Amino acid sequence: MNKRNPNAVLDVREVPKWNQWIILSIQHLFAMFGATILVPILVGLEPAVALLSSGLGTLAYLAITRGQIPAYLGSSFAFINPILTAKALDGQESVMIGCFVAGLVYGIVALLLKGLGTGWLFTVLPPVVVGPIIMVIGLSLAPTAVDMAMYETTAAGEKIYRLDFILVALITLAVTIIASIFLKGFLKLIPVLIGVVCGYVAAYFFGLVDLGSVQEAAWFALPHVMVPFVNYTPNFSWTVVWLIAPVAFVTLAEHTGHQMVLSKVIDRNLIQKPGLHRSVFGDGIATMIGSAIGGPPLTTYGENIGVLAITRVYSVFVIGGAAVTAILFSTIGKVSALISSIPTAVMGGVSILLFGIIASSGLRMLIDNKVDFSQQRNLIIASVILVIGIGGAFIQIGDFTLSGMALATLSGIVLNLILPGRSKVDPEEMFPTEN
């Protein structure tokens, strides 16, 4: 049994007083809110459904991990480009199937982790592979951010340069950067939300905001969920599955990294107890829940880990409260309408920073893990991943297509396994000693 962490204000299984509980949970809601609603806006899904799926997914995750991991799950940025590509190819219905299969990949990996331990995962996905893949995620999204910040897209698909768009985007970007660097305490945790709010105000004065839908929306309105065999007939496509499902291997690496950081923050070896297999399985179930109602795939959020580190409130009851609050927010029609009224220029401005940070995070992983690029194998692996991923290479055989991030990930894994000189990673050295 774990001893109480003496540095914690509230330890993992401690219940806060009701008035503190509400405030602490809302703080976590704000920390994840901006990023969680940004993903569905970018890929054309309903933000209210994303809030609902993040809340339901987090509650499922807490149950599966036996209330031992205080982690919040929100929309995953890694799936943005594959979802956009898949939607263009075969429609939204097949996208949901692809996202569901990504959750199944998590389940399969969880079984392997349970049976074989964690060492093989670090062998297949070492930093020299994961770092460049994360860079591909951010850099491949760069054109999307710039287009949103600069152009108005007509119904016919024509792009029209708008000076007011780029000005609003730059205001949003500037405010987000200032909030991230100069604000203190709680406000420093929500720079994306602050940037979006200020950008929205600027867009209003530029005449880019239409509040008609907000005025017409009801206060109470259930999210427009997409349930297979109820709202639509699932359309299975191997091409879409191979576009989306392999991204799970990228987010698995992100998930493992979050567990490493969280273990250090709360001073418990979460890889050992309740076990990485439970955490990965919980993330997979959450992703399947999200896809089953029309939401994006989910992943653990670094923003909320940051809140834990700063507040030293590690209670899973606070995280659960944030999940319940997200579910309640998803049923407020005016909130959903207000989110949907955010101009693309505002989202483009904040996306410039967020997508750049994703790419920089991949670079940071390489630096933190001291990947030596004087070694030819490391240079080759990173180079191939970057060019294939960003260049948009693909392999097509009949109706089957393997492209983009999936092909880059597979190429990196294969090169790492077959090239000589592979170094071993001991994951046990990366975690705190059990209390």
Protein backbone atom coordinates (compact mmCIF):
# COMPACT_ATOMS: atom_id res chain seq x y z
CA MET A 1 0.00 0.00 0.00
CA ASN A 2 1.25 3.48 -0.88
CA LYS A 3 2.16 5.79 1.95
CA ARG A 4 0.79 9.32 1.85
CA ASN A 5 2.93 11.78 -0.08
CA PRO A 6 4.00 14.34 2.57
CA ASN A 7 4.43 17.04 -0.09
CA ALA A 8 0.84 16.73 -1.33
CA VAL A 9 -1.86 19.22 -0.41
CA LEU A 10 -4.33 16.45 -1.32
CA ASP A 11 -3.00 13.01 -2.14
CA VAL A 12 -4.36 10.73 -4.86
CA ARG A 13 -7.25 9.15 -2.95
CA GLU A 14 -8.12 12.08 -0.65
CA VAL A 15 -11.47 13.83 -1.03
CA PRO A 16 -11.52 17.67 -0.90
CA LYS A 17 -14.16 19.73 0.88
CA TRP A 18 -17.10 20.39 -1.42
CA ASN A 19 -16.41 24.11 -1.94
CA GLN A 20 -12.73 23.46 -2.75
CA TRP A 21 -13.73 20.50 -4.90
CA ILE A 22 -15.75 22.69 -7.29
CA ILE A 23 -13.03 25.34 -7.71
CA LEU A 24 -10.23 22.81 -8.14
CA SER A 25 -12.21 20.83 -10.71
CA ILE A 26 -13.10 23.95 -12.72
CA GLN A 27 -9.40 24.84 -12.76
CA HIS A 28 -8.63 21.53 -14.49
CA LEU A 29 -11.53 22.14 -16.88
CA PHE A 30 -10.04 25.50 -17.90
CA ALA A 31 -6.59 23.94 -18.32
CA MET A 32 -7.83 21.44 -20.91
CA PHE A 33 -10.70 23.44 -22.41
CA GLY A 34 -8.88 25.39 -25.14
CA ALA A 35 -7.01 22.43 -26.61
CA THR A 36 -9.92 19.99 -26.29
CA ILE A 37 -12.34 22.17 -28.27
CA LEU A 38 -9.67 23.26 -30.79
CA VAL A 39 -9.23 19.75 -32.22
CA PRO A 40 -12.90 19.21 -33.18
CA ILE A 41 -13.11 22.73 -34.60
CA LEU A 42 -10.11 22.02 -36.84
CA VAL A 43 -11.42 18.66 -38.09
CA GLY A 44 -15.08 19.65 -38.41
CA LEU A 45 -16.53 17.77 -35.44
CA GLU A 46 -18.89 19.23 -32.85
CA PRO A 47 -17.04 20.77 -29.86
CA ALA A 48 -19.88 19.81 -27.47
CA VAL A 49 -19.42 16.15 -28.41
CA ALA A 50 -15.68 16.49 -27.76
CA LEU A 51 -16.42 17.84 -24.28
CA LEU A 52 -18.86 15.00 -23.65
CA SER A 53 -16.41 12.35 -24.86
CA SER A 54 -13.53 13.82 -22.82
CA GLY A 55 -15.67 13.72 -19.68
CA LEU A 56 -16.97 10.19 -20.26
CA GLY A 57 -13.54 8.98 -21.37
CA THR A 58 -11.83 10.41 -18.29
CA LEU A 59 -14.35 8.79 -15.94
CA ALA A 60 -13.83 5.44 -17.69
CA TYR A 61 -10.05 5.89 -17.44
CA LEU A 62 -10.23 6.62 -13.70
CA ALA A 63 -12.34 3.50 -13.18
CA ILE A 64 -10.05 1.23 -15.20
CA THR A 65 -6.92 2.52 -13.44
CA ARG A 66 -8.65 1.88 -10.08
CA GLY A 67 -8.60 5.55 -9.11
CA GLN A 68 -4.81 5.54 -8.81
CA ILE A 69 -3.80 7.84 -11.69
CA PRO A 70 -4.97 11.49 -11.55
CA ALA A 71 -4.97 12.10 -15.31
CA TYR A 72 -7.44 14.01 -17.51
CA LEU A 73 -8.05 12.89 -21.10
CA GLY A 74 -8.80 15.38 -23.86
CA SER A 75 -8.78 15.58 -27.67
CA SER A 76 -5.54 14.38 -29.29
CA PHE A 77 -3.72 16.70 -31.73
CA ALA A 78 -1.85 13.76 -33.26
CA PHE A 79 -4.95 12.63 -35.15
CA ILE A 80 -5.82 15.98 -36.78
CA ASN A 81 -4.10 15.50 -40.13
CA PRO A 82 -5.08 11.83 -40.55
CA ILE A 83 -8.72 12.68 -39.74
CA LEU A 84 -8.76 15.57 -42.24
CA THR A 85 -7.26 13.34 -44.94
CA ALA A 86 -9.65 10.49 -44.14
CA LYS A 87 -12.71 12.78 -44.19
CA ALA A 88 -11.72 14.05 -47.63
CA LEU A 89 -11.35 10.47 -48.88
CA ASP A 90 -14.34 8.69 -47.40
CA GLY A 91 -16.48 10.88 -45.16
CA GLN A 92 -16.92 11.29 -41.42
CA GLU A 93 -18.58 7.93 -40.79
CA SER A 94 -15.50 5.98 -41.83
CA VAL A 95 -13.35 8.33 -39.74
CA MET A 96 -15.17 7.23 -36.60
CA ILE A 97 -14.43 3.59 -37.47
CA GLY A 98 -10.76 4.45 -37.93
CA CYS A 99 -10.68 6.18 -34.54
CA PHE A 100 -12.39 3.18 -32.93
CA VAL A 101 -9.73 0.85 -34.37
CA ALA A 102 -7.05 3.16 -32.94
CA GLY A 103 -8.60 2.46 -29.53
CA LEU A 104 -8.43 -1.26 -30.28
CA VAL A 105 -4.70 -0.87 -31.00
CA TYR A 106 -4.34 0.50 -27.47
CA GLY A 107 -6.15 -2.56 -26.15
CA ILE A 108 -3.84 -4.95 -28.01
CA VAL A 109 -0.75 -3.09 -26.75
CA ALA A 110 -2.17 -3.20 -23.21
CA LEU A 111 -2.44 -7.00 -23.43
CA LEU A 112 1.14 -7.22 -24.68
CA LEU A 113 2.33 -4.96 -21.87
CA LYS A 114 0.53 -7.15 -19.36
CA GLY A 115 2.09 -10.32 -20.74
CA LEU A 116 5.55 -9.17 -21.84
CA GLY A 117 6.31 -6.15 -19.63
CA THR A 118 7.29 -2.66 -20.82
CA GLY A 119 10.78 -3.23 -22.24
CA TRP A 120 9.62 -4.15 -25.78
CA LEU A 121 7.67 -0.88 -26.12
CA PHE A 122 10.83 1.16 -25.51
CA THR A 123 12.64 -1.05 -28.03
CA VAL A 124 10.04 -0.47 -30.75
CA LEU A 125 9.50 3.23 -29.96
CA PRO A 126 12.75 4.74 -28.66
CA PRO A 127 13.28 8.54 -28.60
CA VAL A 128 15.11 8.52 -31.95
CA VAL A 129 11.89 7.27 -33.57
CA VAL A 130 9.27 9.08 -31.49
CA GLY A 131 10.98 12.51 -31.52
CA PRO A 132 10.95 12.93 -35.33
CA ILE A 133 7.42 11.52 -35.54
CA ILE A 134 6.19 14.15 -33.10
CA MET A 135 7.99 16.78 -35.21
CA VAL A 136 6.13 15.45 -38.27
CA ILE A 137 2.80 15.88 -36.45
CA GLY A 138 3.45 19.58 -35.83
CA LEU A 139 5.14 20.46 -39.12
CA SER A 140 2.58 18.66 -41.28
CA LEU A 141 -0.14 20.76 -39.64
CA ALA A 142 1.68 24.05 -40.31
CA PRO A 143 -0.09 24.74 -43.65
CA THR A 144 -3.47 24.24 -41.94
CA ALA A 145 -2.66 26.85 -39.29
CA VAL A 146 -1.36 29.37 -41.84
CA ASP A 147 -4.35 28.90 -44.18
CA MET A 148 -6.77 29.48 -41.30
CA ALA A 149 -4.87 32.60 -40.27
CA MET A 150 -4.69 34.15 -43.75
CA TYR A 151 -7.51 32.97 -45.99
CA GLU A 152 -11.26 32.89 -46.21
CA THR A 153 -12.38 29.70 -47.93
CA THR A 154 -15.48 30.06 -50.11
CA ALA A 155 -18.15 27.41 -50.58
CA ALA A 156 -16.47 26.53 -53.89
CA GLY A 157 -13.16 25.90 -52.11
CA GLU A 158 -11.49 29.09 -53.35
CA LYS A 159 -9.02 30.78 -50.99
CA ILE A 160 -9.27 34.56 -50.63
CA TYR A 161 -6.52 36.47 -48.82
CA ARG A 162 -7.91 38.58 -45.97
CA LEU A 163 -5.81 41.22 -44.22
CA ASP A 164 -8.28 41.36 -41.32
CA PHE A 165 -7.87 37.59 -40.86
CA ILE A 166 -4.10 37.80 -40.51
CA LEU A 167 -4.37 40.79 -38.13
CA VAL A 168 -6.80 38.92 -35.86
CA ALA A 169 -4.58 35.83 -36.02
CA LEU A 170 -1.50 37.85 -35.04
CA ILE A 171 -3.37 39.49 -32.13
CA THR A 172 -4.47 36.06 -30.93
CA LEU A 173 -0.94 34.69 -31.28
CA ALA A 174 0.61 37.67 -29.47
CA VAL A 175 -1.81 37.46 -26.52
CA THR A 176 -1.27 33.71 -26.19
CA ILE A 177 2.52 34.17 -26.13
CA ILE A 178 2.33 37.02 -23.61
CA ALA A 179 -0.01 35.00 -21.36
CA SER A 180 2.27 31.99 -21.55
CA ILE A 181 5.44 33.93 -20.69
CA PHE A 182 4.42 36.74 -18.37
CA LEU A 183 1.31 35.67 -16.45
CA LYS A 184 1.66 33.93 -13.09
CA GLY A 185 -0.21 31.31 -11.10
CA PHE A 186 -3.46 29.93 -12.42
CA LEU A 187 -3.61 32.30 -15.41
CA LYS A 188 -0.30 30.90 -16.67
CA LEU A 189 -2.00 27.51 -16.99
CA ILE A 190 -4.61 28.70 -19.51
CA PRO A 191 -2.75 30.81 -22.13
CA VAL A 192 -4.63 29.12 -25.00
CA LEU A 193 -8.01 29.97 -23.48
CA ILE A 194 -6.90 33.58 -22.80
CA GLY A 195 -5.59 33.92 -26.36
CA VAL A 196 -8.81 32.58 -27.88
CA VAL A 197 -10.97 34.89 -25.74
CA CYS A 198 -8.92 37.99 -26.61
CA GLY A 199 -8.75 36.98 -30.26
CA TYR A 200 -12.52 36.51 -30.27
CA VAL A 201 -12.99 40.06 -28.91
CA ALA A 202 -10.64 41.44 -31.59
CA ALA A 203 -12.49 39.49 -34.29
CA TYR A 204 -15.79 40.95 -33.06
CA PHE A 205 -14.51 44.50 -33.59
CA PHE A 206 -13.24 43.49 -37.04
CA GLY A 207 -16.76 42.31 -37.88
CA LEU A 208 -15.85 38.63 -38.15
CA VAL A 209 -18.17 37.29 -35.43
CA ASP A 210 -21.78 36.29 -36.05
CA LEU A 211 -23.66 35.94 -32.75
CA GLY A 212 -26.98 35.05 -34.37
CA SER A 213 -26.60 31.33 -33.70
CA VAL A 214 -25.75 32.03 -30.05
CA GLN A 215 -28.91 34.09 -29.56
CA GLU A 216 -31.04 31.41 -31.20
CA ALA A 217 -29.51 28.49 -29.30
CA ALA A 218 -31.35 26.99 -26.35
CA TRP A 219 -29.76 27.01 -22.91
CA PHE A 220 -30.19 23.27 -22.62
CA ALA A 221 -29.36 21.17 -25.68
CA LEU A 222 -27.98 17.67 -25.90
CA PRO A 223 -24.87 17.28 -28.08
CA HIS A 224 -25.45 15.89 -31.57
CA VAL A 225 -23.79 12.53 -31.01
CA MET A 226 -23.06 10.12 -33.86
CA VAL A 227 -23.88 6.59 -32.68
CA PRO A 228 -23.26 3.74 -35.17
CA PHE A 229 -26.39 1.90 -36.32
CA VAL A 230 -28.48 4.64 -34.68
CA ASN A 231 -27.52 7.87 -36.47
CA TYR A 232 -25.59 6.27 -39.34
CA THR A 233 -24.49 2.97 -40.86
CA PRO A 234 -20.75 2.45 -40.32
CA ASN A 235 -18.65 2.53 -43.47
CA PHE A 236 -15.52 0.41 -43.03
CA SER A 237 -12.51 1.38 -45.15
CA TRP A 238 -9.08 -0.22 -44.87
CA THR A 239 -7.53 2.93 -46.35
CA VAL A 240 -9.02 5.07 -43.58
CA VAL A 241 -8.06 2.52 -40.92
CA TRP A 242 -4.46 2.56 -42.11
CA LEU A 243 -4.49 6.34 -42.15
CA ILE A 244 -5.73 6.73 -38.58
CA ALA A 245 -5.02 3.60 -36.52
CA PRO A 246 -1.16 3.66 -36.74
CA VAL A 247 -1.17 7.10 -35.13
CA ALA A 248 -1.96 5.20 -31.93
CA PHE A 249 1.70 4.18 -31.78
CA VAL A 250 2.69 7.86 -31.68
CA THR A 251 0.21 8.69 -28.94
CA LEU A 252 1.31 5.56 -27.05
CA ALA A 253 4.75 7.09 -26.80
CA GLU A 254 3.18 10.38 -25.67
CA HIS A 255 1.05 8.48 -23.13
CA THR A 256 4.09 6.66 -21.74
CA GLY A 257 5.96 9.95 -21.43
CA HIS A 258 3.06 11.47 -19.51
CA GLN A 259 3.06 8.51 -17.13
CA MET A 260 6.77 9.03 -16.54
CA VAL A 261 6.28 12.71 -15.76
CA LEU A 262 3.21 12.08 -13.61
CA SER A 263 5.05 9.39 -11.66
CA LYS A 264 7.68 11.93 -10.73
CA VAL A 265 5.13 14.64 -9.92
CA ILE A 266 3.08 12.55 -7.47
CA ASP A 267 6.04 10.40 -6.33
CA ARG A 268 4.50 7.02 -7.22
CA ASN A 269 5.65 4.43 -9.75
CA LEU A 270 2.56 4.35 -11.95
CA ILE A 271 4.27 2.03 -14.43
CA GLN A 272 4.39 -0.59 -11.66
CA LYS A 273 1.10 0.20 -9.91
CA PRO A 274 -1.55 0.17 -11.24
CA GLY A 275 0.62 -0.66 -14.27
CA LEU A 276 1.21 0.84 -17.70
CA HIS A 277 -1.06 -1.84 -19.19
CA ARG A 278 -4.03 -0.51 -17.20
CA SER A 279 -3.28 3.08 -18.15
CA VAL A 280 -2.92 2.24 -21.85
CA PHE A 281 -6.10 0.12 -21.75
CA GLY A 282 -7.97 2.98 -20.07
CA ASP A 283 -6.82 5.39 -22.79
CA GLY A 284 -7.94 2.90 -25.46
CA ILE A 285 -11.39 2.48 -23.92
CA ALA A 286 -11.71 6.28 -23.66
CA THR A 287 -10.84 6.63 -27.36
CA MET A 288 -13.40 3.97 -28.30
CA ILE A 289 -16.05 5.76 -26.22
CA GLY A 290 -15.24 9.03 -27.98
CA SER A 291 -15.42 7.51 -31.45
CA ALA A 292 -18.67 5.70 -30.58
CA ILE A 293 -20.42 9.05 -30.06
CA GLY A 294 -18.71 11.07 -32.81
CA GLY A 295 -15.85 12.60 -30.83
CA PRO A 296 -12.10 12.68 -31.57
CA PRO A 297 -9.57 10.21 -30.11
CA LEU A 298 -8.46 11.05 -26.58
CA THR A 299 -5.10 11.24 -24.84
CA THR A 300 -3.77 12.21 -21.42
CA TYR A 301 -3.15 15.95 -21.16
CA GLY A 302 0.14 17.55 -20.18
CA GLU A 303 -1.72 20.76 -19.30
CA ASN A 304 -3.50 19.00 -16.45
CA ILE A 305 -0.29 17.37 -15.26
CA GLY A 306 1.07 20.92 -15.04
CA VAL A 307 -1.86 21.89 -12.82
CA LEU A 308 -1.09 18.94 -10.53
CA ALA A 309 2.57 19.93 -10.28
CA ILE A 310 1.83 23.55 -9.41
CA THR A 311 -1.08 23.02 -7.00
CA ARG A 312 0.17 19.74 -5.44
CA VAL A 313 -3.47 18.62 -5.42
CA TYR A 314 -3.27 15.05 -6.75
CA SER A 315 -6.80 13.91 -5.90
CA VAL A 316 -8.52 11.73 -8.52
CA PHE A 317 -11.80 13.08 -7.14
CA VAL A 318 -10.84 16.54 -8.41
CA ILE A 319 -10.10 15.06 -11.86
CA GLY A 320 -13.42 13.22 -11.76
CA GLY A 321 -15.16 16.48 -10.85
CA ALA A 322 -13.60 18.14 -13.91
CA ALA A 323 -14.90 15.28 -16.07
CA VAL A 324 -18.43 15.66 -14.72
CA THR A 325 -18.26 19.43 -15.27
CA ALA A 326 -17.18 18.88 -18.90
CA ILE A 327 -20.20 16.63 -19.43
CA LEU A 328 -22.50 19.31 -17.98
CA PHE A 329 -20.91 21.99 -20.20
CA SER A 330 -21.59 19.85 -23.27
CA THR A 331 -25.34 20.09 -22.60
CA ILE A 332 -25.44 23.92 -22.53
CA GLY A 333 -26.55 24.88 -26.02
CA LYS A 334 -25.37 28.49 -25.86
CA VAL A 335 -21.87 27.38 -24.88
CA SER A 336 -21.72 25.07 -27.89
CA ALA A 337 -23.01 27.81 -30.19
CA LEU A 338 -20.52 30.31 -28.78
CA ILE A 339 -17.64 27.91 -29.40
CA SER A 340 -18.85 27.27 -32.95
CA SER A 341 -18.93 31.02 -33.62
CA ILE A 342 -15.17 31.40 -33.08
CA PRO A 343 -13.72 32.67 -36.41
CA THR A 344 -11.13 30.53 -38.20
CA ALA A 345 -8.64 33.41 -37.99
CA VAL A 346 -8.66 33.15 -34.18
CA MET A 347 -8.07 29.41 -34.25
CA GLY A 348 -5.41 29.90 -36.91
CA GLY A 349 -3.52 32.34 -34.68
CA VAL A 350 -3.41 30.02 -31.70
CA SER A 351 -2.69 27.01 -33.92
CA ILE A 352 0.50 28.64 -35.22
CA LEU A 353 1.89 28.43 -31.70
CA LEU A 354 0.38 25.08 -30.72
CA PHE A 355 1.47 23.22 -33.84
CA GLY A 356 4.93 24.76 -33.55
CA ILE A 357 5.12 23.63 -29.92
CA ILE A 358 4.23 20.09 -30.99
CA ALA A 359 7.13 20.08 -33.47
CA SER A 360 9.45 21.61 -30.88
CA SER A 361 8.38 18.96 -28.34
CA GLY A 362 9.73 16.31 -30.69
CA LEU A 363 13.03 18.17 -30.85
CA ARG A 364 13.05 18.47 -27.06
CA MET A 365 12.57 14.72 -26.71
CA LEU A 366 15.69 14.15 -28.79
CA ILE A 367 17.65 16.62 -26.67
CA ASP A 368 16.38 15.39 -23.29
CA ASN A 369 17.24 11.81 -24.18
CA LYS A 370 20.66 12.84 -25.52
CA VAL A 371 20.14 11.26 -28.95
CA ASP A 372 23.58 11.37 -30.61
CA PHE A 373 23.33 12.54 -34.21
CA SER A 374 27.01 11.95 -34.79
CA GLN A 375 25.89 8.30 -35.06
CA GLN A 376 24.93 7.60 -38.65
CA ARG A 377 21.98 5.31 -37.70
CA ASN A 378 20.27 8.05 -35.67
CA LEU A 379 20.77 10.58 -38.46
CA ILE A 380 19.33 8.19 -41.04
CA ILE A 381 16.28 7.23 -38.95
CA ALA A 382 15.35 10.84 -38.17
CA SER A 383 15.95 12.01 -41.75
CA VAL A 384 13.78 9.31 -43.33
CA ILE A 385 10.93 9.88 -40.88
CA LEU A 386 10.93 13.66 -41.40
CA VAL A 387 11.01 13.61 -45.21
CA ILE A 388 8.46 10.80 -45.64
CA GLY A 389 6.10 12.33 -43.05
CA ILE A 390 6.28 15.96 -44.12
CA GLY A 391 6.68 15.24 -47.82
CA GLY A 392 3.45 13.25 -47.94
CA ALA A 393 4.90 10.02 -49.36
CA PHE A 394 2.49 7.12 -49.75
CA ILE A 395 2.25 3.53 -50.97
CA GLN A 396 -0.90 2.55 -52.87
CA ILE A 397 -1.80 -1.00 -53.87
CA GLY A 398 -5.30 -1.18 -55.32
CA ASP A 399 -7.69 0.37 -52.79
CA PHE A 400 -5.14 0.12 -49.99
CA THR A 401 -3.10 3.23 -49.20
CA LEU A 402 -0.39 3.68 -46.57
CA SER A 403 0.57 7.33 -46.34
CA GLY A 404 1.84 10.25 -44.32
CA MET A 405 2.41 9.70 -40.63
CA ALA A 406 1.57 5.98 -40.76
CA LEU A 407 4.22 5.32 -43.41
CA ALA A 408 6.74 7.52 -41.59
CA THR A 409 6.10 5.71 -38.30
CA LEU A 410 6.44 2.27 -39.90
CA SER A 411 9.64 3.34 -41.69
CA GLY A 412 11.18 4.62 -38.46
CA ILE A 413 10.29 1.47 -36.50
CA VAL A 414 11.71 -0.84 -39.19
CA LEU A 415 14.92 1.17 -39.58
CA ASN A 416 15.47 1.26 -35.82
CA LEU A 417 15.06 -2.53 -35.59
CA ILE A 418 17.27 -3.50 -38.53
CA LEU A 419 20.10 -0.95 -38.43
CA PRO A 420 23.07 -2.00 -36.26
CA GLY A 421 24.15 -0.16 -33.12
CA ARG A 422 20.80 0.05 -31.34
CA SER A 423 21.21 1.07 -27.69
CA LYS A 424 19.06 -0.43 -24.93
CA VAL A 425 16.70 1.64 -22.80
CA ASP A 426 16.06 0.66 -19.18
CA PRO A 427 12.61 2.13 -18.31
CA GLU A 428 13.00 1.21 -14.62
CA GLU A 429 15.68 3.91 -14.25
CA MET A 430 13.20 6.57 -15.38
CA PHE A 431 10.72 6.26 -12.50
CA PRO A 432 10.69 7.03 -8.76
CA THR A 433 11.06 4.32 -6.16
CA GLU A 434 7.77 3.02 -4.80
CA ASN A 435 6.73 4.67 -1.50
